[in-house]
Amino acid sequence: MITPGDNLPYFELGGVDDEIHTPEEWADRKLLVVIFTCNHCPYAQAYEERLIALQKRYSVQSVQFVAINSNDSEGYPEDGFREMKKRAKESGFNYPYLRDKSQAVARKFGAACTPEAYLFDRHRICKYRGRIDDSWRDPSRVKEESLKEAISDLLAGKEPVITERPALGCSIKWK
């Protein structure tokens, strides 16, 4: 499992834009946030608008979000590539949404659920792993914006106060 202090694992995945994406594509970004997510999980769905808002807020500060769907689409057809394209378009994703059909990338990260966030600094060292915030169901009840706080700390030139929080979500659906 990737934990704070570990390097970003390499990946090469196709996106809903029909392009192949690798971490080098975002080498010029100060921070990289990798989120394991999917279409069908109610937790992942609940966080979509918040992730879009975070990408919008931080893109001007050179932060790039990337979403990866590693779920088995045979058992969960709503997580298939065609449905990913549809969801990204309908929801207005402003970040790449990638398909990890082999589940190899999820295994490299040690990802366990959706959504699960990994924040990497400019040297692509993991500085935060875990949940987005502490209230998946109701954004108005959020008391700790774990991911946002870690991003803000790094952009301010400080080490994050919060480096890990258990992710809240559905388990990744393994083959």
N, C-alpha and C. Protein backbone atom coordinates (compact mmCIF):
# COMPACT_ATOMS: atom_id res chain seq x y z
N MET A 1 0.84 -1.18 0.00
CA MET A 1 0.00 0.00 0.00
C MET A 1 0.88 1.25 0.00
N ILE A 2 0.53 2.19 -0.87
CA ILE A 2 1.23 3.47 -0.89
C ILE A 2 0.86 4.23 0.37
N THR A 3 1.85 4.71 1.09
CA THR A 3 1.62 5.53 2.27
C THR A 3 2.49 6.77 2.17
N PRO A 4 2.22 7.78 2.99
CA PRO A 4 3.05 8.98 2.93
C PRO A 4 4.54 8.64 3.02
N GLY A 5 5.29 9.24 2.09
CA GLY A 5 6.72 8.98 1.98
C GLY A 5 7.08 8.10 0.79
N ASP A 6 6.10 7.41 0.22
CA ASP A 6 6.33 6.54 -0.93
C ASP A 6 6.27 7.32 -2.24
N ASN A 7 6.95 6.80 -3.26
CA ASN A 7 6.94 7.41 -4.59
C ASN A 7 5.67 7.05 -5.35
N LEU A 8 5.30 7.91 -6.29
CA LEU A 8 4.18 7.67 -7.18
C LEU A 8 4.50 6.49 -8.09
N PRO A 9 3.67 5.46 -8.10
CA PRO A 9 3.89 4.35 -9.04
C PRO A 9 3.59 4.80 -10.47
N TYR A 10 4.33 4.27 -11.41
CA TYR A 10 4.09 4.59 -12.82
C TYR A 10 2.81 3.90 -13.27
N PHE A 11 2.07 4.57 -14.14
CA PHE A 11 0.92 3.96 -14.78
C PHE A 11 0.75 4.52 -16.18
N GLU A 12 0.09 3.76 -17.00
CA GLU A 12 -0.23 4.14 -18.37
C GLU A 12 -1.64 3.63 -18.64
N LEU A 13 -2.60 4.57 -18.64
CA LEU A 13 -4.01 4.18 -18.72
C LEU A 13 -4.77 5.01 -19.74
N GLY A 14 -5.76 4.39 -20.35
CA GLY A 14 -6.63 5.08 -21.27
C GLY A 14 -7.68 5.88 -20.53
N GLY A 15 -8.00 7.05 -21.08
CA GLY A 15 -8.99 7.91 -20.46
C GLY A 15 -10.27 7.98 -21.26
N VAL A 16 -11.29 8.58 -20.68
CA VAL A 16 -12.57 8.74 -21.37
C VAL A 16 -12.43 9.69 -22.56
N ASP A 17 -11.31 10.39 -22.66
CA ASP A 17 -11.02 11.25 -23.82
C ASP A 17 -10.35 10.46 -24.95
N ASP A 18 -10.25 9.13 -24.78
CA ASP A 18 -9.63 8.23 -25.76
C ASP A 18 -8.13 8.48 -25.95
N GLU A 19 -7.51 9.08 -24.97
CA GLU A 19 -6.06 9.30 -24.96
C GLU A 19 -5.44 8.40 -23.89
N ILE A 20 -4.14 8.11 -24.05
CA ILE A 20 -3.38 7.37 -23.05
C ILE A 20 -2.71 8.40 -22.14
N HIS A 21 -2.79 8.16 -20.83
CA HIS A 21 -2.24 9.10 -19.86
C HIS A 21 -1.20 8.41 -18.98
N THR A 22 -0.12 9.16 -18.68
CA THR A 22 0.93 8.71 -17.77
C THR A 22 1.23 9.85 -16.81
N PRO A 23 1.87 9.57 -15.70
CA PRO A 23 2.21 10.65 -14.76
C PRO A 23 3.09 11.75 -15.37
N GLU A 24 3.89 11.42 -16.38
CA GLU A 24 4.76 12.42 -16.99
C GLU A 24 3.96 13.56 -17.61
N GLU A 25 2.73 13.28 -18.00
CA GLU A 25 1.86 14.30 -18.59
C GLU A 25 1.67 15.50 -17.66
N TRP A 26 1.75 15.24 -16.36
CA TRP A 26 1.52 16.30 -15.37
C TRP A 26 2.80 16.66 -14.61
N ALA A 27 3.94 16.40 -15.20
CA ALA A 27 5.23 16.66 -14.54
C ALA A 27 5.41 18.13 -14.16
N ASP A 28 4.77 19.02 -14.90
CA ASP A 28 4.92 20.45 -14.62
C ASP A 28 3.99 20.93 -13.50
N ARG A 29 3.12 20.09 -13.00
CA ARG A 29 2.20 20.47 -11.94
C ARG A 29 2.86 20.35 -10.57
N LYS A 30 2.57 21.30 -9.69
CA LYS A 30 3.16 21.26 -8.35
C LYS A 30 2.70 20.04 -7.57
N LEU A 31 1.41 19.74 -7.67
CA LEU A 31 0.84 18.62 -6.93
C LEU A 31 -0.01 17.76 -7.84
N LEU A 32 -0.05 16.48 -7.53
CA LEU A 32 -0.88 15.53 -8.27
C LEU A 32 -1.74 14.77 -7.27
N VAL A 33 -3.04 14.77 -7.53
CA VAL A 33 -3.99 14.05 -6.68
C VAL A 33 -4.57 12.91 -7.51
N VAL A 34 -4.34 11.68 -7.06
CA VAL A 34 -4.88 10.50 -7.73
C VAL A 34 -6.02 9.97 -6.86
N ILE A 35 -7.20 9.87 -7.48
CA ILE A 35 -8.39 9.40 -6.77
C ILE A 35 -8.87 8.10 -7.40
N PHE A 36 -8.97 7.05 -6.62
CA PHE A 36 -9.60 5.83 -7.10
C PHE A 36 -11.10 5.98 -6.85
N THR A 37 -11.88 5.81 -7.91
CA THR A 37 -13.32 6.04 -7.85
C THR A 37 -14.01 5.12 -8.84
N CYS A 38 -15.30 5.30 -8.98
CA CYS A 38 -16.07 4.51 -9.95
C CYS A 38 -17.39 5.20 -10.20
N ASN A 39 -18.22 4.59 -11.03
CA ASN A 39 -19.53 5.17 -11.36
C ASN A 39 -20.62 4.78 -10.37
N HIS A 40 -20.63 3.53 -9.92
CA HIS A 40 -21.82 3.02 -9.23
C HIS A 40 -21.85 3.25 -7.72
N CYS A 41 -20.74 3.48 -7.10
CA CYS A 41 -20.66 3.60 -5.64
C CYS A 41 -21.33 4.90 -5.17
N PRO A 42 -22.26 4.82 -4.22
CA PRO A 42 -22.90 6.04 -3.73
C PRO A 42 -21.92 7.01 -3.06
N TYR A 43 -20.87 6.50 -2.45
CA TYR A 43 -19.85 7.37 -1.86
C TYR A 43 -19.14 8.15 -2.96
N ALA A 44 -18.72 7.44 -4.00
CA ALA A 44 -18.04 8.08 -5.13
C ALA A 44 -18.95 9.11 -5.78
N GLN A 45 -20.19 8.77 -5.97
CA GLN A 45 -21.14 9.71 -6.57
C GLN A 45 -21.29 10.96 -5.71
N ALA A 46 -21.36 10.77 -4.40
CA ALA A 46 -21.55 11.90 -3.48
C ALA A 46 -20.38 12.88 -3.53
N TYR A 47 -19.20 12.39 -3.87
CA TYR A 47 -18.01 13.25 -3.89
C TYR A 47 -17.72 13.90 -5.24
N GLU A 48 -18.43 13.53 -6.28
CA GLU A 48 -18.11 14.05 -7.61
C GLU A 48 -18.11 15.57 -7.67
N GLU A 49 -19.16 16.20 -7.18
CA GLU A 49 -19.22 17.67 -7.23
C GLU A 49 -18.11 18.30 -6.41
N ARG A 50 -17.78 17.72 -5.27
CA ARG A 50 -16.70 18.26 -4.44
C ARG A 50 -15.35 18.14 -5.13
N LEU A 51 -15.13 17.01 -5.83
CA LEU A 51 -13.87 16.85 -6.56
C LEU A 51 -13.78 17.84 -7.73
N ILE A 52 -14.87 18.04 -8.43
CA ILE A 52 -14.90 19.03 -9.51
C ILE A 52 -14.57 20.42 -8.95
N ALA A 53 -15.17 20.76 -7.81
CA ALA A 53 -14.91 22.06 -7.18
C ALA A 53 -13.45 22.20 -6.72
N LEU A 54 -12.89 21.12 -6.16
CA LEU A 54 -11.49 21.17 -5.74
C LEU A 54 -10.56 21.34 -6.93
N GLN A 55 -10.81 20.62 -8.03
CA GLN A 55 -9.97 20.77 -9.22
C GLN A 55 -10.07 22.20 -9.75
N LYS A 56 -11.27 22.73 -9.79
CA LYS A 56 -11.46 24.11 -10.27
C LYS A 56 -10.71 25.09 -9.38
N ARG A 57 -10.84 24.92 -8.08
CA ARG A 57 -10.19 25.83 -7.13
C ARG A 57 -8.67 25.78 -7.24
N TYR A 58 -8.11 24.59 -7.32
CA TYR A 58 -6.66 24.43 -7.23
C TYR A 58 -5.94 24.36 -8.58
N SER A 59 -6.66 24.28 -9.68
CA SER A 59 -5.97 24.19 -10.97
C SER A 59 -5.11 25.42 -11.24
N VAL A 60 -5.55 26.59 -10.79
CA VAL A 60 -4.77 27.83 -10.98
C VAL A 60 -3.50 27.84 -10.14
N GLN A 61 -3.43 26.92 -9.16
CA GLN A 61 -2.24 26.80 -8.33
C GLN A 61 -1.41 25.58 -8.73
N SER A 62 -1.64 25.09 -9.94
CA SER A 62 -0.86 24.01 -10.51
C SER A 62 -1.06 22.66 -9.79
N VAL A 63 -2.31 22.38 -9.45
CA VAL A 63 -2.68 21.09 -8.86
C VAL A 63 -3.52 20.34 -9.88
N GLN A 64 -3.17 19.09 -10.12
CA GLN A 64 -3.90 18.26 -11.09
C GLN A 64 -4.55 17.08 -10.39
N PHE A 65 -5.85 16.92 -10.59
CA PHE A 65 -6.58 15.76 -10.12
C PHE A 65 -6.68 14.76 -11.27
N VAL A 66 -6.62 13.47 -10.94
CA VAL A 66 -6.77 12.39 -11.90
C VAL A 66 -7.60 11.30 -11.22
N ALA A 67 -8.69 10.88 -11.86
CA ALA A 67 -9.54 9.83 -11.31
C ALA A 67 -9.28 8.53 -12.06
N ILE A 68 -9.24 7.42 -11.31
CA ILE A 68 -9.01 6.11 -11.88
C ILE A 68 -10.11 5.16 -11.42
N ASN A 69 -10.72 4.47 -12.38
CA ASN A 69 -11.74 3.46 -12.09
C ASN A 69 -11.11 2.09 -12.32
N SER A 70 -10.98 1.31 -11.26
CA SER A 70 -10.38 -0.02 -11.34
C SER A 70 -11.39 -1.14 -11.13
N ASN A 71 -12.65 -0.81 -10.98
CA ASN A 71 -13.66 -1.84 -10.69
C ASN A 71 -13.84 -2.83 -11.84
N ASP A 72 -14.17 -4.06 -11.46
CA ASP A 72 -14.50 -5.11 -12.41
C ASP A 72 -15.81 -4.75 -13.12
N SER A 73 -15.73 -4.54 -14.42
CA SER A 73 -16.94 -4.13 -15.15
C SER A 73 -17.79 -5.31 -15.59
N GLU A 74 -17.28 -6.53 -15.45
CA GLU A 74 -18.12 -7.69 -15.76
C GLU A 74 -19.18 -7.87 -14.68
N GLY A 75 -18.77 -7.77 -13.44
CA GLY A 75 -19.71 -7.88 -12.33
C GLY A 75 -20.48 -6.60 -12.09
N TYR A 76 -19.90 -5.48 -12.53
CA TYR A 76 -20.49 -4.15 -12.33
C TYR A 76 -20.46 -3.40 -13.65
N PRO A 77 -21.37 -3.74 -14.58
CA PRO A 77 -21.34 -3.14 -15.92
C PRO A 77 -21.45 -1.62 -15.93
N GLU A 78 -22.05 -1.04 -14.90
CA GLU A 78 -22.14 0.42 -14.85
C GLU A 78 -20.77 1.08 -14.66
N ASP A 79 -19.74 0.28 -14.35
CA ASP A 79 -18.38 0.79 -14.23
C ASP A 79 -17.54 0.53 -15.48
N GLY A 80 -18.18 0.09 -16.56
CA GLY A 80 -17.48 -0.13 -17.82
C GLY A 80 -17.09 1.18 -18.50
N PHE A 81 -16.22 1.08 -19.47
CA PHE A 81 -15.65 2.26 -20.13
C PHE A 81 -16.71 3.13 -20.80
N ARG A 82 -17.65 2.53 -21.46
CA ARG A 82 -18.71 3.31 -22.12
C ARG A 82 -19.51 4.12 -21.10
N GLU A 83 -19.82 3.49 -19.98
CA GLU A 83 -20.55 4.19 -18.92
C GLU A 83 -19.70 5.27 -18.25
N MET A 84 -18.39 5.03 -18.17
CA MET A 84 -17.48 6.06 -17.63
C MET A 84 -17.53 7.31 -18.50
N LYS A 85 -17.48 7.10 -19.82
CA LYS A 85 -17.53 8.24 -20.75
C LYS A 85 -18.82 9.03 -20.56
N LYS A 86 -19.90 8.31 -20.45
CA LYS A 86 -21.20 8.95 -20.27
C LYS A 86 -21.25 9.75 -18.96
N ARG A 87 -20.80 9.14 -17.88
CA ARG A 87 -20.84 9.80 -16.57
C ARG A 87 -19.94 11.04 -16.54
N ALA A 88 -18.75 10.93 -17.10
CA ALA A 88 -17.82 12.07 -17.12
C ALA A 88 -18.43 13.24 -17.86
N LYS A 89 -19.08 12.95 -18.97
CA LYS A 89 -19.69 14.02 -19.77
C LYS A 89 -20.88 14.63 -19.04
N GLU A 90 -21.78 13.78 -18.54
CA GLU A 90 -22.98 14.27 -17.86
C GLU A 90 -22.65 15.04 -16.58
N SER A 91 -21.62 14.59 -15.86
CA SER A 91 -21.27 15.23 -14.59
C SER A 91 -20.33 16.41 -14.75
N GLY A 92 -19.74 16.55 -15.94
CA GLY A 92 -18.84 17.67 -16.19
C GLY A 92 -17.49 17.54 -15.51
N PHE A 93 -16.94 16.32 -15.51
CA PHE A 93 -15.62 16.13 -14.90
C PHE A 93 -14.62 17.07 -15.55
N ASN A 94 -13.85 17.77 -14.75
CA ASN A 94 -12.82 18.70 -15.24
C ASN A 94 -11.42 18.14 -14.97
N TYR A 95 -11.33 16.85 -14.87
CA TYR A 95 -10.06 16.14 -14.65
C TYR A 95 -10.13 14.85 -15.46
N PRO A 96 -8.99 14.26 -15.78
CA PRO A 96 -8.99 13.00 -16.52
C PRO A 96 -9.64 11.87 -15.71
N TYR A 97 -10.40 11.05 -16.41
CA TYR A 97 -11.04 9.88 -15.80
C TYR A 97 -10.51 8.68 -16.57
N LEU A 98 -9.72 7.86 -15.89
CA LEU A 98 -8.97 6.78 -16.51
C LEU A 98 -9.51 5.40 -16.13
N ARG A 99 -9.30 4.45 -17.04
CA ARG A 99 -9.76 3.07 -16.83
C ARG A 99 -8.59 2.15 -16.55
N ASP A 100 -8.63 1.48 -15.40
CA ASP A 100 -7.64 0.49 -14.99
C ASP A 100 -8.29 -0.89 -15.10
N LYS A 101 -8.51 -1.32 -16.33
CA LYS A 101 -9.24 -2.56 -16.58
C LYS A 101 -8.56 -3.78 -15.96
N SER A 102 -7.23 -3.82 -16.00
CA SER A 102 -6.49 -4.97 -15.46
C SER A 102 -6.41 -4.94 -13.93
N GLN A 103 -6.71 -3.82 -13.34
CA GLN A 103 -6.64 -3.58 -11.90
C GLN A 103 -5.21 -3.53 -11.37
N ALA A 104 -4.23 -3.52 -12.29
CA ALA A 104 -2.82 -3.51 -11.89
C ALA A 104 -2.44 -2.22 -11.17
N VAL A 105 -3.00 -1.10 -11.59
CA VAL A 105 -2.65 0.18 -10.96
C VAL A 105 -3.22 0.24 -9.54
N ALA A 106 -4.45 -0.20 -9.37
CA ALA A 106 -5.04 -0.23 -8.03
C ALA A 106 -4.20 -1.11 -7.10
N ARG A 107 -3.71 -2.21 -7.64
CA ARG A 107 -2.86 -3.11 -6.84
C ARG A 107 -1.53 -2.44 -6.49
N LYS A 108 -0.93 -1.71 -7.44
CA LYS A 108 0.32 -1.00 -7.16
C LYS A 108 0.14 0.01 -6.02
N PHE A 109 -1.00 0.70 -6.03
CA PHE A 109 -1.27 1.69 -5.00
C PHE A 109 -1.72 1.05 -3.69
N GLY A 110 -2.25 -0.15 -3.79
CA GLY A 110 -2.85 -0.77 -2.61
C GLY A 110 -4.19 -0.15 -2.29
N ALA A 111 -4.84 0.40 -3.32
CA ALA A 111 -6.15 1.04 -3.14
C ALA A 111 -7.16 0.00 -2.68
N ALA A 112 -8.04 0.40 -1.78
CA ALA A 112 -9.01 -0.54 -1.24
C ALA A 112 -10.44 -0.13 -1.49
N CYS A 113 -10.70 1.17 -1.66
CA CYS A 113 -12.09 1.58 -1.81
C CYS A 113 -12.25 2.78 -2.72
N THR A 114 -13.51 3.12 -2.96
CA THR A 114 -13.84 4.26 -3.80
C THR A 114 -14.77 5.18 -3.02
N PRO A 115 -14.42 6.46 -2.92
CA PRO A 115 -13.18 7.07 -3.41
C PRO A 115 -12.06 6.95 -2.38
N GLU A 116 -10.84 6.91 -2.89
CA GLU A 116 -9.64 6.92 -2.05
C GLU A 116 -8.62 7.83 -2.73
N ALA A 117 -8.11 8.79 -1.97
CA ALA A 117 -7.24 9.83 -2.52
C ALA A 117 -5.78 9.64 -2.12
N TYR A 118 -4.91 9.98 -3.06
CA TYR A 118 -3.46 9.99 -2.83
C TYR A 118 -2.94 11.33 -3.33
N LEU A 119 -2.27 12.07 -2.47
CA LEU A 119 -1.72 13.38 -2.82
C LEU A 119 -0.21 13.29 -2.91
N PHE A 120 0.34 13.74 -4.06
CA PHE A 120 1.78 13.68 -4.30
C PHE A 120 2.32 15.09 -4.50
N ASP A 121 3.50 15.34 -3.92
CA ASP A 121 4.13 16.66 -4.06
C ASP A 121 4.83 16.79 -5.41
N ARG A 122 5.56 17.88 -5.61
CA ARG A 122 6.22 18.13 -6.90
C ARG A 122 7.26 17.07 -7.24
N HIS A 123 7.80 16.38 -6.23
CA HIS A 123 8.78 15.31 -6.46
C HIS A 123 8.09 13.95 -6.57
N ARG A 124 6.77 13.98 -6.52
CA ARG A 124 5.89 12.82 -6.62
C ARG A 124 6.10 11.83 -5.47
N ILE A 125 6.27 12.44 -4.29
CA ILE A 125 6.29 11.69 -3.04
C ILE A 125 4.91 11.83 -2.42
N CYS A 126 4.34 10.73 -1.97
CA CYS A 126 3.03 10.76 -1.35
C CYS A 126 3.08 11.54 -0.03
N LYS A 127 2.17 12.49 0.11
CA LYS A 127 2.10 13.31 1.32
C LYS A 127 0.80 13.13 2.07
N TYR A 128 -0.20 12.52 1.41
CA TYR A 128 -1.49 12.26 2.06
C TYR A 128 -2.14 11.07 1.37
N ARG A 129 -2.84 10.25 2.17
CA ARG A 129 -3.61 9.13 1.65
C ARG A 129 -4.87 8.98 2.46
N GLY A 130 -6.00 8.80 1.76
CA GLY A 130 -7.23 8.51 2.49
C GLY A 130 -8.46 9.19 1.96
N ARG A 131 -9.30 9.60 2.87
CA ARG A 131 -10.61 10.16 2.52
C ARG A 131 -10.50 11.59 1.98
N ILE A 132 -11.58 12.03 1.36
CA ILE A 132 -11.67 13.41 0.88
C ILE A 132 -12.00 14.33 2.06
N ASP A 133 -13.05 13.97 2.80
CA ASP A 133 -13.43 14.69 4.01
C ASP A 133 -14.20 13.73 4.91
N ASP A 134 -14.77 14.24 5.99
CA ASP A 134 -15.37 13.36 7.00
C ASP A 134 -16.90 13.26 6.94
N SER A 135 -17.52 13.71 5.85
CA SER A 135 -18.98 13.60 5.74
C SER A 135 -19.38 13.35 4.30
N TRP A 136 -19.35 12.11 3.89
CA TRP A 136 -19.65 11.79 2.50
C TRP A 136 -21.08 12.10 2.12
N ARG A 137 -22.00 11.92 3.03
CA ARG A 137 -23.41 12.05 2.71
C ARG A 137 -23.89 13.50 2.66
N ASP A 138 -23.35 14.35 3.52
CA ASP A 138 -23.86 15.72 3.64
C ASP A 138 -22.70 16.71 3.71
N PRO A 139 -22.41 17.40 2.62
CA PRO A 139 -21.29 18.35 2.61
C PRO A 139 -21.42 19.45 3.67
N SER A 140 -22.64 19.78 4.07
CA SER A 140 -22.81 20.84 5.07
C SER A 140 -22.38 20.40 6.47
N ARG A 141 -22.16 19.10 6.65
CA ARG A 141 -21.75 18.59 7.96
C ARG A 141 -20.26 18.28 8.05
N VAL A 142 -19.51 18.66 7.03
CA VAL A 142 -18.06 18.40 7.02
C VAL A 142 -17.39 19.21 8.13
N LYS A 143 -16.59 18.51 8.94
CA LYS A 143 -15.81 19.17 9.99
C LYS A 143 -14.32 19.17 9.65
N GLU A 144 -13.89 18.16 8.88
CA GLU A 144 -12.48 18.08 8.49
C GLU A 144 -12.38 17.79 7.00
N GLU A 145 -11.84 18.74 6.27
CA GLU A 145 -11.61 18.58 4.83
C GLU A 145 -10.18 18.05 4.65
N SER A 146 -10.00 16.79 4.94
CA SER A 146 -8.68 16.17 5.03
C SER A 146 -7.82 16.42 3.80
N LEU A 147 -8.33 16.10 2.61
CA LEU A 147 -7.56 16.27 1.38
C LEU A 147 -7.28 17.74 1.11
N LYS A 148 -8.28 18.58 1.21
CA LYS A 148 -8.12 20.02 0.97
C LYS A 148 -7.09 20.63 1.92
N GLU A 149 -7.13 20.24 3.17
CA GLU A 149 -6.17 20.76 4.15
C GLU A 149 -4.74 20.33 3.80
N ALA A 150 -4.57 19.09 3.36
CA ALA A 150 -3.23 18.61 2.98
C ALA A 150 -2.73 19.37 1.75
N ILE A 151 -3.61 19.60 0.78
CA ILE A 151 -3.23 20.37 -0.42
C ILE A 151 -2.82 21.78 -0.02
N SER A 152 -3.62 22.42 0.80
CA SER A 152 -3.33 23.80 1.23
C SER A 152 -2.00 23.89 1.97
N ASP A 153 -1.74 22.91 2.83
CA ASP A 153 -0.46 22.90 3.55
C ASP A 153 0.71 22.83 2.58
N LEU A 154 0.65 21.91 1.62
CA LEU A 154 1.74 21.77 0.66
C LEU A 154 1.92 23.03 -0.18
N LEU A 155 0.82 23.63 -0.62
CA LEU A 155 0.93 24.85 -1.43
C LEU A 155 1.50 26.01 -0.62
N ALA A 156 1.34 25.96 0.70
CA ALA A 156 1.90 26.99 1.59
C ALA A 156 3.35 26.68 1.96
N GLY A 157 3.90 25.58 1.41
CA GLY A 157 5.29 25.23 1.69
C GLY A 157 5.50 24.48 2.98
N LYS A 158 4.42 23.94 3.55
CA LYS A 158 4.51 23.20 4.80
C LYS A 158 4.19 21.73 4.56
N GLU A 159 4.68 20.90 5.45
CA GLU A 159 4.27 19.50 5.43
C GLU A 159 2.83 19.42 5.92
N PRO A 160 2.02 18.55 5.34
CA PRO A 160 0.63 18.44 5.80
C PRO A 160 0.54 18.03 7.27
N VAL A 161 -0.36 18.67 7.98
CA VAL A 161 -0.64 18.29 9.36
C VAL A 161 -1.29 16.91 9.37
N ILE A 162 -2.22 16.71 8.45
CA ILE A 162 -2.92 15.43 8.31
C ILE A 162 -2.26 14.67 7.15
N THR A 163 -1.76 13.48 7.41
CA THR A 163 -1.12 12.69 6.35
C THR A 163 -1.90 11.44 5.97
N GLU A 164 -2.75 10.96 6.85
CA GLU A 164 -3.56 9.78 6.55
C GLU A 164 -4.88 9.85 7.31
N ARG A 165 -5.93 9.44 6.62
CA ARG A 165 -7.24 9.26 7.22
C ARG A 165 -7.86 8.06 6.52
N PRO A 166 -8.55 7.19 7.24
CA PRO A 166 -9.18 6.05 6.57
C PRO A 166 -10.15 6.53 5.50
N ALA A 167 -10.06 5.92 4.33
CA ALA A 167 -10.97 6.28 3.24
C ALA A 167 -12.36 5.77 3.56
N LEU A 168 -13.36 6.55 3.14
CA LEU A 168 -14.75 6.18 3.32
C LEU A 168 -15.31 5.81 1.95
N GLY A 169 -15.85 4.62 1.80
CA GLY A 169 -16.42 4.28 0.50
C GLY A 169 -16.70 2.80 0.34
N CYS A 170 -17.05 2.45 -0.89
CA CYS A 170 -17.29 1.05 -1.26
C CYS A 170 -15.95 0.38 -1.56
N SER A 171 -15.88 -0.90 -1.34
CA SER A 171 -14.65 -1.63 -1.67
C SER A 171 -14.48 -1.65 -3.19
N ILE A 172 -13.22 -1.66 -3.62
CA ILE A 172 -12.96 -1.88 -5.05
C ILE A 172 -13.47 -3.27 -5.40
N LYS A 173 -14.14 -3.37 -6.53
CA LYS A 173 -14.72 -4.64 -6.96
C LYS A 173 -13.69 -5.39 -7.78
N TRP A 174 -13.03 -6.35 -7.13
CA TRP A 174 -11.96 -7.13 -7.76
C TRP A 174 -12.53 -8.22 -8.64
N LYS A 175 -11.76 -8.58 -9.66
CA LYS A 175 -12.16 -9.68 -10.54
C LYS A 175 -12.06 -10.99 -9.80
